[in-house]
Amino acid sequence: MATMMTDLTVLIYGVPGLLFALSFHEYAHAWMATRLGDPTPRAAGRLTLNPFAHVDWLGLIMLWVARFGWARPVPVDPRYFARPRSGMLWTALAGPAANAIAAVASAWLLVRADRLLGDAAGAADAVRIILYLSLVYNVSLAIFNLIPVPPLDGSRILGSLLPPRAAWRYQQIEPYGWLVLLLLVASGYVGNIIAPLINAITRALLGWFST
């Protein structure tokens, strides 16, 4: 299916899946932090699936233009957590976990699209493309955000697991995180590792539900 889609097709049909993937990811961070006692995400209006609350439009444009972008990060104050380190761990994990759940749901719906839509052949073609792109975007976000480079979730996860002194030293690279990440992406190093992994997981999910 991927080889049959033009850039224009991806641009048009990818909007719903990409907006949902970004919004669900950020909502999951907000939901987990709120559940663990932090009122900051709710006060900031981020405890919602409304994409307008989460999307950074420049970041969204960059996702299409440069295949590298971002959403507005959810504000979290770990001082509200009963256990700040474990609270940050679960809050950081919530975003990639949400994308993993959405990826599984997209794959399941994609495999069953014809059965669910019945005779609506024209609609089925469009829905299949939307679901396929939703699957790819959610798998991509889940994997990419696990890279342990600030400000990605992987850095929060690793920082929560390291001993306190090592975590403090690791946090010192945060001001340079974006630069490191941009260099890794621009060099193709990240893409060479992540792209095969995304393809493998996408095929595995579709194969799993097709059996």
C-alpha atoms as a PDB file:
ATOM      1  CA  MET A   1       0.000   0.000   0.000  1.00  0.00           C
ATOM      2  CA  ALA A   2       2.821   2.397   0.859  1.00  0.00           C
ATOM      3  CA  THR A   3       4.322   2.194  -2.631  1.00  0.00           C
ATOM      4  CA  MET A   4       0.990   3.225  -4.215  1.00  0.00           C
ATOM      5  CA  MET A   5       0.682   6.469  -2.249  1.00  0.00           C
ATOM      6  CA  THR A   6       2.004   9.775  -3.570  1.00  0.00           C
ATOM      7  CA  ASP A   7       3.230  12.596  -1.359  1.00  0.00           C
ATOM      8  CA  LEU A   8      -0.074  14.400  -2.014  1.00  0.00           C
ATOM      9  CA  THR A   9      -2.023  11.340  -0.870  1.00  0.00           C
ATOM     10  CA  VAL A  10       0.001  11.153   2.309  1.00  0.00           C
ATOM     11  CA  LEU A  11      -0.479  14.888   2.910  1.00  0.00           C
ATOM     12  CA  ILE A  12      -4.263  14.738   2.505  1.00  0.00           C
ATOM     13  CA  TYR A  13      -5.101  11.384   4.066  1.00  0.00           C
ATOM     14  CA  GLY A  14      -2.414  11.558   6.721  1.00  0.00           C
ATOM     15  CA  VAL A  15      -3.880  14.574   8.516  1.00  0.00           C
ATOM     16  CA  PRO A  16      -6.435  12.675  10.677  1.00  0.00           C
ATOM     17  CA  GLY A  17      -3.985   9.984  11.772  1.00  0.00           C
ATOM     18  CA  LEU A  18      -1.150  12.390  12.483  1.00  0.00           C
ATOM     19  CA  LEU A  19      -3.296  14.822  14.467  1.00  0.00           C
ATOM     20  CA  PHE A  20      -4.747  11.960  16.484  1.00  0.00           C
ATOM     21  CA  ALA A  21      -1.347  10.364  17.101  1.00  0.00           C
ATOM     22  CA  LEU A  22       0.124  13.633  18.374  1.00  0.00           C
ATOM     23  CA  SER A  23      -2.948  14.526  20.461  1.00  0.00           C
ATOM     24  CA  PHE A  24      -3.337  11.053  21.974  1.00  0.00           C
ATOM     25  CA  HIS A  25       0.359  11.034  22.877  1.00  0.00           C
ATOM     26  CA  GLU A  26       0.200  14.373  24.707  1.00  0.00           C
ATOM     27  CA  TYR A  27      -3.184  13.581  26.278  1.00  0.00           C
ATOM     28  CA  ALA A  28      -1.691  10.390  27.730  1.00  0.00           C
ATOM     29  CA  HIS A  29       1.087  12.400  29.390  1.00  0.00           C
ATOM     30  CA  ALA A  30      -1.495  14.812  30.817  1.00  0.00           C
ATOM     31  CA  TRP A  31      -3.799  12.005  31.979  1.00  0.00           C
ATOM     32  CA  MET A  32      -1.055  10.096  33.758  1.00  0.00           C
ATOM     33  CA  ALA A  33       0.408  13.184  35.457  1.00  0.00           C
ATOM     34  CA  THR A  34      -3.074  14.235  36.596  1.00  0.00           C
ATOM     35  CA  ARG A  35      -3.851  10.762  37.883  1.00  0.00           C
ATOM     36  CA  LEU A  36      -0.618  10.818  39.900  1.00  0.00           C
ATOM     37  CA  GLY A  37      -1.612  14.081  41.575  1.00  0.00           C
ATOM     38  CA  ASP A  38      -0.251  16.873  39.374  1.00  0.00           C
ATOM     39  CA  PRO A  39      -2.918  19.536  38.600  1.00  0.00           C
ATOM     40  CA  THR A  40      -0.660  21.365  36.134  1.00  0.00           C
ATOM     41  CA  PRO A  41      -1.804  19.650  32.881  1.00  0.00           C
ATOM     42  CA  ARG A  42      -5.491  20.230  33.666  1.00  0.00           C
ATOM     43  CA  ALA A  43      -4.849  23.859  34.602  1.00  0.00           C
ATOM     44  CA  ALA A  44      -3.000  24.324  31.301  1.00  0.00           C
ATOM     45  CA  GLY A  45      -5.956  22.916  29.339  1.00  0.00           C
ATOM     46  CA  ARG A  46      -4.035  19.854  28.183  1.00  0.00           C
ATOM     47  CA  LEU A  47      -6.272  17.119  29.606  1.00  0.00           C
ATOM     48  CA  THR A  48      -8.112  16.836  26.299  1.00  0.00           C
ATOM     49  CA  LEU A  49      -7.951  15.060  22.943  1.00  0.00           C
ATOM     50  CA  ASN A  50      -8.610  18.335  21.118  1.00  0.00           C
ATOM     51  CA  PRO A  51      -5.655  18.611  18.697  1.00  0.00           C
ATOM     52  CA  PHE A  52      -5.710  22.414  18.868  1.00  0.00           C
ATOM     53  CA  ALA A  53      -4.637  22.144  22.528  1.00  0.00           C
ATOM     54  CA  HIS A  54      -1.577  20.043  21.680  1.00  0.00           C
ATOM     55  CA  VAL A  55      -0.373  20.765  18.150  1.00  0.00           C
ATOM     56  CA  ASP A  56       2.490  23.114  17.474  1.00  0.00           C
ATOM     57  CA  TRP A  57       1.747  24.127  13.892  1.00  0.00           C
ATOM     58  CA  LEU A  58       5.382  24.786  13.004  1.00  0.00           C
ATOM     59  CA  GLY A  59       6.260  21.370  14.394  1.00  0.00           C
ATOM     60  CA  LEU A  60       3.459  19.811  12.363  1.00  0.00           C
ATOM     61  CA  ILE A  61       4.647  21.455   9.154  1.00  0.00           C
ATOM     62  CA  MET A  62       8.191  20.296   9.848  1.00  0.00           C
ATOM     63  CA  LEU A  63       6.939  16.725  10.178  1.00  0.00           C
ATOM     64  CA  TRP A  64       5.777  16.834   6.556  1.00  0.00           C
ATOM     65  CA  VAL A  65       8.644  18.903   5.184  1.00  0.00           C
ATOM     66  CA  ALA A  66      11.618  17.442   7.064  1.00  0.00           C
ATOM     67  CA  ARG A  67      10.132  14.254   8.601  1.00  0.00           C
ATOM     68  CA  PHE A  68      11.073  15.728  11.973  1.00  0.00           C
ATOM     69  CA  GLY A  69       8.684  17.743  14.120  1.00  0.00           C
ATOM     70  CA  TRP A  70       7.101  18.161  17.499  1.00  0.00           C
ATOM     71  CA  ALA A  71       3.943  18.901  19.468  1.00  0.00           C
ATOM     72  CA  ARG A  72       3.558  21.256  22.415  1.00  0.00           C
ATOM     73  CA  PRO A  73       4.987  19.482  25.474  1.00  0.00           C
ATOM     74  CA  VAL A  74       2.608  18.969  28.387  1.00  0.00           C
ATOM     75  CA  PRO A  75       3.700  20.956  31.454  1.00  0.00           C
ATOM     76  CA  VAL A  76       4.369  18.618  34.385  1.00  0.00           C
ATOM     77  CA  ASP A  77       5.498  19.489  37.895  1.00  0.00           C
ATOM     78  CA  PRO A  78       6.973  16.375  39.576  1.00  0.00           C
ATOM     79  CA  ARG A  79       6.826  18.061  42.989  1.00  0.00           C
ATOM     80  CA  TYR A  80       3.150  17.093  43.115  1.00  0.00           C
ATOM     81  CA  PHE A  81       3.956  13.394  42.768  1.00  0.00           C
ATOM     82  CA  ALA A  82       4.147  11.297  45.923  1.00  0.00           C
ATOM     83  CA  ARG A  83       7.246   9.689  44.376  1.00  0.00           C
ATOM     84  CA  PRO A  84       8.698  12.204  41.881  1.00  0.00           C
ATOM     85  CA  ARG A  85      11.076   9.807  40.108  1.00  0.00           C
ATOM     86  CA  SER A  86       8.553   7.019  39.551  1.00  0.00           C
ATOM     87  CA  GLY A  87       5.896   9.623  38.742  1.00  0.00           C
ATOM     88  CA  MET A  88       8.031  11.035  35.933  1.00  0.00           C
ATOM     89  CA  LEU A  89       8.777   7.512  34.728  1.00  0.00           C
ATOM     90  CA  TRP A  90       5.097   6.622  34.346  1.00  0.00           C
ATOM     91  CA  THR A  91       4.224  10.020  32.908  1.00  0.00           C
ATOM     92  CA  ALA A  92       6.967   9.729  30.279  1.00  0.00           C
ATOM     93  CA  LEU A  93       6.005   6.128  29.414  1.00  0.00           C
ATOM     94  CA  ALA A  94       2.351   7.091  28.942  1.00  0.00           C
ATOM     95  CA  GLY A  95       2.934   8.892  25.628  1.00  0.00           C
ATOM     96  CA  PRO A  96       4.685   6.068  23.733  1.00  0.00           C
ATOM     97  CA  ALA A  97       2.311   3.543  25.341  1.00  0.00           C
ATOM     98  CA  ALA A  98      -0.683   5.497  24.024  1.00  0.00           C
ATOM     99  CA  ASN A  99       0.789   5.465  20.514  1.00  0.00           C
ATOM    100  CA  ALA A 100       1.411   1.719  20.791  1.00  0.00           C
ATOM    101  CA  ILE A 101      -2.246   1.166  21.736  1.00  0.00           C
ATOM    102  CA  ALA A 102      -3.403   3.386  18.860  1.00  0.00           C
ATOM    103  CA  ALA A 103      -1.122   1.506  16.449  1.00  0.00           C
ATOM    104  CA  VAL A 104      -2.623  -1.837  17.465  1.00  0.00           C
ATOM    105  CA  ALA A 105      -6.151  -0.431  17.080  1.00  0.00           C
ATOM    106  CA  SER A 106      -5.311   1.033  13.640  1.00  0.00           C
ATOM    107  CA  ALA A 107      -3.894  -2.293  12.434  1.00  0.00           C
ATOM    108  CA  TRP A 108      -6.947  -4.204  13.682  1.00  0.00           C
ATOM    109  CA  LEU A 109      -9.341  -1.782  11.986  1.00  0.00           C
ATOM    110  CA  LEU A 110      -7.295  -1.768   8.773  1.00  0.00           C
ATOM    111  CA  VAL A 111      -7.372  -5.553   8.447  1.00  0.00           C
ATOM    112  CA  ARG A 112     -11.138  -5.548   9.029  1.00  0.00           C
ATOM    113  CA  ALA A 113     -11.973  -2.429   6.990  1.00  0.00           C
ATOM    114  CA  ASP A 114     -13.707  -4.291   4.152  1.00  0.00           C
ATOM    115  CA  ARG A 115     -15.844  -6.323   6.528  1.00  0.00           C
ATOM    116  CA  LEU A 116     -16.778  -3.306   8.651  1.00  0.00           C
ATOM    117  CA  LEU A 117     -17.606  -1.004   5.720  1.00  0.00           C
ATOM    118  CA  GLY A 118     -19.495  -3.563   3.646  1.00  0.00           C
ATOM    119  CA  ASP A 119     -20.395  -2.357   0.155  1.00  0.00           C
ATOM    120  CA  ALA A 120     -19.020   1.164   0.562  1.00  0.00           C
ATOM    121  CA  ALA A 121     -16.107   0.409  -1.762  1.00  0.00           C
ATOM    122  CA  GLY A 122     -15.128   4.046  -2.400  1.00  0.00           C
ATOM    123  CA  ALA A 123     -15.146   4.894   1.277  1.00  0.00           C
ATOM    124  CA  ALA A 124     -13.206   1.719   2.072  1.00  0.00           C
ATOM    125  CA  ASP A 125     -10.253   2.806  -0.095  1.00  0.00           C
ATOM    126  CA  ALA A 126     -10.000   6.166   1.683  1.00  0.00           C
ATOM    127  CA  VAL A 127     -10.458   4.616   5.118  1.00  0.00           C
ATOM    128  CA  ARG A 128      -7.774   2.011   4.428  1.00  0.00           C
ATOM    129  CA  ILE A 129      -5.247   4.724   3.524  1.00  0.00           C
ATOM    130  CA  ILE A 130      -6.137   6.783   6.612  1.00  0.00           C
ATOM    131  CA  LEU A 131      -5.826   3.749   8.879  1.00  0.00           C
ATOM    132  CA  TYR A 132      -2.555   2.646   7.303  1.00  0.00           C
ATOM    133  CA  LEU A 133      -1.041   6.097   7.800  1.00  0.00           C
ATOM    134  CA  SER A 134      -2.417   6.205  11.352  1.00  0.00           C
ATOM    135  CA  LEU A 135      -0.682   2.888  11.991  1.00  0.00           C
ATOM    136  CA  VAL A 136       2.628   4.152  10.620  1.00  0.00           C
ATOM    137  CA  TYR A 137       2.469   7.477  12.461  1.00  0.00           C
ATOM    138  CA  ASN A 138       1.659   5.884  15.801  1.00  0.00           C
ATOM    139  CA  VAL A 139       4.401   3.269  15.478  1.00  0.00           C
ATOM    140  CA  SER A 140       6.831   6.011  14.437  1.00  0.00           C
ATOM    141  CA  LEU A 141       5.964   8.282  17.365  1.00  0.00           C
ATOM    142  CA  ALA A 142       6.150   5.440  19.872  1.00  0.00           C
ATOM    143  CA  ILE A 143       9.626   4.406  18.709  1.00  0.00           C
ATOM    144  CA  PHE A 144      11.064   7.864  18.052  1.00  0.00           C
ATOM    145  CA  ASN A 145      10.043   9.184  21.461  1.00  0.00           C
ATOM    146  CA  LEU A 146      11.867   6.350  23.199  1.00  0.00           C
ATOM    147  CA  ILE A 147      15.232   7.679  21.974  1.00  0.00           C
ATOM    148  CA  PRO A 148      17.078   8.680  25.181  1.00  0.00           C
ATOM    149  CA  VAL A 149      17.931  12.205  24.044  1.00  0.00           C
ATOM    150  CA  PRO A 150      16.290  15.271  25.670  1.00  0.00           C
ATOM    151  CA  PRO A 151      13.586  16.432  25.317  1.00  0.00           C
ATOM    152  CA  LEU A 152      12.195  13.081  24.125  1.00  0.00           C
ATOM    153  CA  ASP A 153      10.356  10.756  26.499  1.00  0.00           C
ATOM    154  CA  GLY A 154      13.202   8.286  26.413  1.00  0.00           C
ATOM    155  CA  SER A 155      15.397  10.775  28.247  1.00  0.00           C
ATOM    156  CA  ARG A 156      12.792  11.137  31.022  1.00  0.00           C
ATOM    157  CA  ILE A 157      12.481   7.364  31.276  1.00  0.00           C
ATOM    158  CA  LEU A 158      16.241   6.835  31.446  1.00  0.00           C
ATOM    159  CA  GLY A 159      16.672   9.696  33.914  1.00  0.00           C
ATOM    160  CA  SER A 160      14.074   8.125  36.209  1.00  0.00           C
ATOM    161  CA  LEU A 161      15.849   4.774  36.142  1.00  0.00           C
ATOM    162  CA  LEU A 162      19.409   5.978  36.709  1.00  0.00           C
ATOM    163  CA  PRO A 163      20.812   6.417  40.224  1.00  0.00           C
ATOM    164  CA  PRO A 164      20.203   9.999  41.457  1.00  0.00           C
ATOM    165  CA  ARG A 165      23.788  11.205  40.928  1.00  0.00           C
ATOM    166  CA  ALA A 166      24.010   9.694  37.441  1.00  0.00           C
ATOM    167  CA  ALA A 167      20.549  11.088  36.611  1.00  0.00           C
ATOM    168  CA  TRP A 168      21.683  14.582  37.634  1.00  0.00           C
ATOM    169  CA  ARG A 169      24.748  14.346  35.387  1.00  0.00           C
ATOM    170  CA  TYR A 170      22.642  13.036  32.532  1.00  0.00           C
ATOM    171  CA  GLN A 171      20.227  15.960  32.888  1.00  0.00           C
ATOM    172  CA  GLN A 172      23.080  18.385  32.236  1.00  0.00           C
ATOM    173  CA  ILE A 173      22.941  17.588  28.510  1.00  0.00           C
ATOM    174  CA  GLU A 174      19.310  18.785  28.289  1.00  0.00           C
ATOM    175  CA  PRO A 175      20.155  22.331  27.063  1.00  0.00           C
ATOM    176  CA  TYR A 176      21.953  20.711  24.119  1.00  0.00           C
ATOM    177  CA  GLY A 177      19.396  17.957  23.515  1.00  0.00           C
ATOM    178  CA  TRP A 178      17.697  19.559  20.529  1.00  0.00           C
ATOM    179  CA  LEU A 179      21.036  20.138  18.815  1.00  0.00           C
ATOM    180  CA  VAL A 180      22.107  16.536  19.394  1.00  0.00           C
ATOM    181  CA  LEU A 181      18.755  15.292  18.130  1.00  0.00           C
ATOM    182  CA  LEU A 182      18.862  17.484  15.019  1.00  0.00           C
ATOM    183  CA  LEU A 183      22.368  16.256  14.203  1.00  0.00           C
ATOM    184  CA  LEU A 184      21.318  12.628  14.635  1.00  0.00           C
ATOM    185  CA  VAL A 185      18.292  13.112  12.369  1.00  0.00           C
ATOM    186  CA  ALA A 186      20.148  15.175   9.749  1.00  0.00           C
ATOM    187  CA  SER A 187      22.965  12.630   9.579  1.00  0.00           C
ATOM    188  CA  GLY A 188      20.488   9.875   8.769  1.00  0.00           C
ATOM    189  CA  TYR A 189      21.708   7.841  11.716  1.00  0.00           C
ATOM    190  CA  VAL A 190      18.307   7.835  13.428  1.00  0.00           C
ATOM    191  CA  GLY A 191      16.417   7.080  10.224  1.00  0.00           C
ATOM    192  CA  ASN A 192      18.679   4.175   9.310  1.00  0.00           C
ATOM    193  CA  ILE A 193      17.899   2.523  12.636  1.00  0.00           C
ATOM    194  CA  ILE A 194      14.265   3.502  13.135  1.00  0.00           C
ATOM    195  CA  ALA A 195      12.866   3.093   9.598  1.00  0.00           C
ATOM    196  CA  PRO A 196      13.521  -0.686   9.409  1.00  0.00           C
ATOM    197  CA  LEU A 197      12.099  -1.080  12.911  1.00  0.00           C
ATOM    198  CA  ILE A 198       8.942   0.851  11.976  1.00  0.00           C
ATOM    199  CA  ASN A 199       8.484  -1.263   8.852  1.00  0.00           C
ATOM    200  CA  ALA A 200       9.027  -4.496  10.767  1.00  0.00           C
ATOM    201  CA  ILE A 201       6.538  -3.614  13.510  1.00  0.00           C
ATOM    202  CA  THR A 202       3.964  -2.392  10.992  1.00  0.00           C
ATOM    203  CA  ARG A 203       4.208  -5.629   8.998  1.00  0.00           C
ATOM    204  CA  ALA A 204       4.114  -7.708  12.180  1.00  0.00           C
ATOM    205  CA  LEU A 205       0.927  -6.036  13.418  1.00  0.00           C
ATOM    206  CA  LEU A 206      -0.818  -6.419  10.071  1.00  0.00           C
ATOM    207  CA  GLY A 207       0.322 -10.017   9.784  1.00  0.00           C
ATOM    208  CA  TRP A 208      -0.820 -10.771  13.314  1.00  0.00           C
ATOM    209  CA  PHE A 209      -4.366  -9.536  12.717  1.00  0.00           C
ATOM    210  CA  SER A 210      -4.543 -11.082   9.239  1.00  0.00           C
ATOM    211  CA  THR A 211      -4.094 -14.635  10.536  1.00  0.00           C
END
